[in-house]
Amino acid sequence: MTVTYLVDEKGNKTAVQLSMEDYLSLLESANLLPDHVKEGIKRGQEQGKAGLTKSTEEVMRKYNV
């Protein structure tokens, strides 16, 4: 993968430029999830629909966060 860094007037890297081929390859690999992660997401969605989840506020209170 070949990248070109775009910099501002102070030399700070502000963006990255890469070929469409590299971009599409990176995008494809970023969307791949292991089966156990997909199963966990599906299970969580099912639990949410069944009303078996707690709100963020309840969890935060439980752990004093």
C-alpha atoms as a PDB file:
ATOM      1  CA  MET A   1       0.000   0.000   0.000  1.00  0.00           C
ATOM      2  CA  THR A   2       1.386   3.357  -1.015  1.00  0.00           C
ATOM      3  CA  VAL A   3       0.165   6.413   0.850  1.00  0.00           C
ATOM      4  CA  THR A   4       0.806  10.109   0.470  1.00  0.00           C
ATOM      5  CA  TYR A   5       0.472  12.336   3.508  1.00  0.00           C
ATOM      6  CA  LEU A   6      -1.054  15.764   3.067  1.00  0.00           C
ATOM      7  CA  VAL A   7       0.402  18.350   5.417  1.00  0.00           C
ATOM      8  CA  ASP A   8      -0.560  21.833   6.508  1.00  0.00           C
ATOM      9  CA  GLU A   9       1.694  24.886   6.366  1.00  0.00           C
ATOM     10  CA  LYS A  10       3.310  23.838   9.681  1.00  0.00           C
ATOM     11  CA  GLY A  11       4.159  20.359   8.426  1.00  0.00           C
ATOM     12  CA  ASN A  12       1.460  18.585  10.468  1.00  0.00           C
ATOM     13  CA  LYS A  13      -0.042  15.549   8.759  1.00  0.00           C
ATOM     14  CA  THR A  14      -3.701  16.331   8.133  1.00  0.00           C
ATOM     15  CA  ALA A  15      -4.837  13.664   5.668  1.00  0.00           C
ATOM     16  CA  VAL A  16      -3.779  10.551   3.812  1.00  0.00           C
ATOM     17  CA  GLN A  17      -4.151   9.922   0.106  1.00  0.00           C
ATOM     18  CA  LEU A  18      -4.146   6.386  -1.292  1.00  0.00           C
ATOM     19  CA  SER A  19      -5.152   4.656  -4.493  1.00  0.00           C
ATOM     20  CA  MET A  20      -8.749   3.563  -5.061  1.00  0.00           C
ATOM     21  CA  GLU A  21      -7.567  -0.046  -5.170  1.00  0.00           C
ATOM     22  CA  ASP A  22      -5.918   0.281  -1.756  1.00  0.00           C
ATOM     23  CA  TYR A  23      -8.913   2.187  -0.378  1.00  0.00           C
ATOM     24  CA  LEU A  24     -11.397  -0.468  -1.522  1.00  0.00           C
ATOM     25  CA  SER A  25      -9.197  -3.234  -0.137  1.00  0.00           C
ATOM     26  CA  LEU A  26      -8.935  -1.433   3.198  1.00  0.00           C
ATOM     27  CA  LEU A  27     -12.674  -0.789   3.270  1.00  0.00           C
ATOM     28  CA  GLU A  28     -13.418  -4.442   2.537  1.00  0.00           C
ATOM     29  CA  SER A  29     -11.151  -5.679   5.322  1.00  0.00           C
ATOM     30  CA  ALA A  30     -12.582  -3.153   7.787  1.00  0.00           C
ATOM     31  CA  ASN A  31     -16.064  -4.580   7.274  1.00  0.00           C
ATOM     32  CA  LEU A  32     -15.046  -8.149   8.066  1.00  0.00           C
ATOM     33  CA  LEU A  33     -16.039  -9.309  11.513  1.00  0.00           C
ATOM     34  CA  PRO A  34     -15.265 -12.674  13.080  1.00  0.00           C
ATOM     35  CA  ASP A  35     -18.264 -14.985  13.418  1.00  0.00           C
ATOM     36  CA  HIS A  36     -18.229 -14.757  17.223  1.00  0.00           C
ATOM     37  CA  VAL A  37     -18.560 -10.971  16.997  1.00  0.00           C
ATOM     38  CA  LYS A  38     -21.454 -11.215  14.527  1.00  0.00           C
ATOM     39  CA  GLU A  39     -23.159 -13.733  16.825  1.00  0.00           C
ATOM     40  CA  GLY A  40     -22.667 -11.443  19.829  1.00  0.00           C
ATOM     41  CA  ILE A  41     -24.181  -8.502  17.976  1.00  0.00           C
ATOM     42  CA  LYS A  42     -27.142 -10.609  16.880  1.00  0.00           C
ATOM     43  CA  ARG A  43     -27.655 -11.909  20.428  1.00  0.00           C
ATOM     44  CA  GLY A  44     -27.545  -8.363  21.807  1.00  0.00           C
ATOM     45  CA  GLN A  45     -30.084  -7.167  19.258  1.00  0.00           C
ATOM     46  CA  GLU A  46     -32.413 -10.032  20.150  1.00  0.00           C
ATOM     47  CA  GLN A  47     -32.052  -9.283  23.865  1.00  0.00           C
ATOM     48  CA  GLY A  48     -32.807  -5.627  23.201  1.00  0.00           C
ATOM     49  CA  LYS A  49     -35.968  -6.483  21.294  1.00  0.00           C
ATOM     50  CA  ALA A  50     -37.026  -8.794  24.145  1.00  0.00           C
ATOM     51  CA  GLY A  51     -36.497  -6.015  26.716  1.00  0.00           C
ATOM     52  CA  LEU A  52     -33.674  -7.876  28.468  1.00  0.00           C
ATOM     53  CA  THR A  53     -31.152  -5.043  28.367  1.00  0.00           C
ATOM     54  CA  LYS A  54     -30.459  -2.233  30.817  1.00  0.00           C
ATOM     55  CA  SER A  55     -30.051   1.423  30.006  1.00  0.00           C
ATOM     56  CA  THR A  56     -26.626   3.026  30.022  1.00  0.00           C
ATOM     57  CA  GLU A  57     -27.663   5.033  33.083  1.00  0.00           C
ATOM     58  CA  GLU A  58     -28.522   1.877  35.050  1.00  0.00           C
ATOM     59  CA  VAL A  59     -25.183   0.291  34.221  1.00  0.00           C
ATOM     60  CA  MET A  60     -23.275   3.478  35.111  1.00  0.00           C
ATOM     61  CA  ARG A  61     -25.051   3.682  38.477  1.00  0.00           C
ATOM     62  CA  LYS A  62     -24.303   0.035  39.219  1.00  0.00           C
ATOM     63  CA  TYR A  63     -20.575   0.561  38.688  1.00  0.00           C
ATOM     64  CA  ASN A  64     -20.469   4.077  40.194  1.00  0.00           C
ATOM     65  CA  VAL A  65     -19.208   5.645  37.006  1.00  0.00           C
END
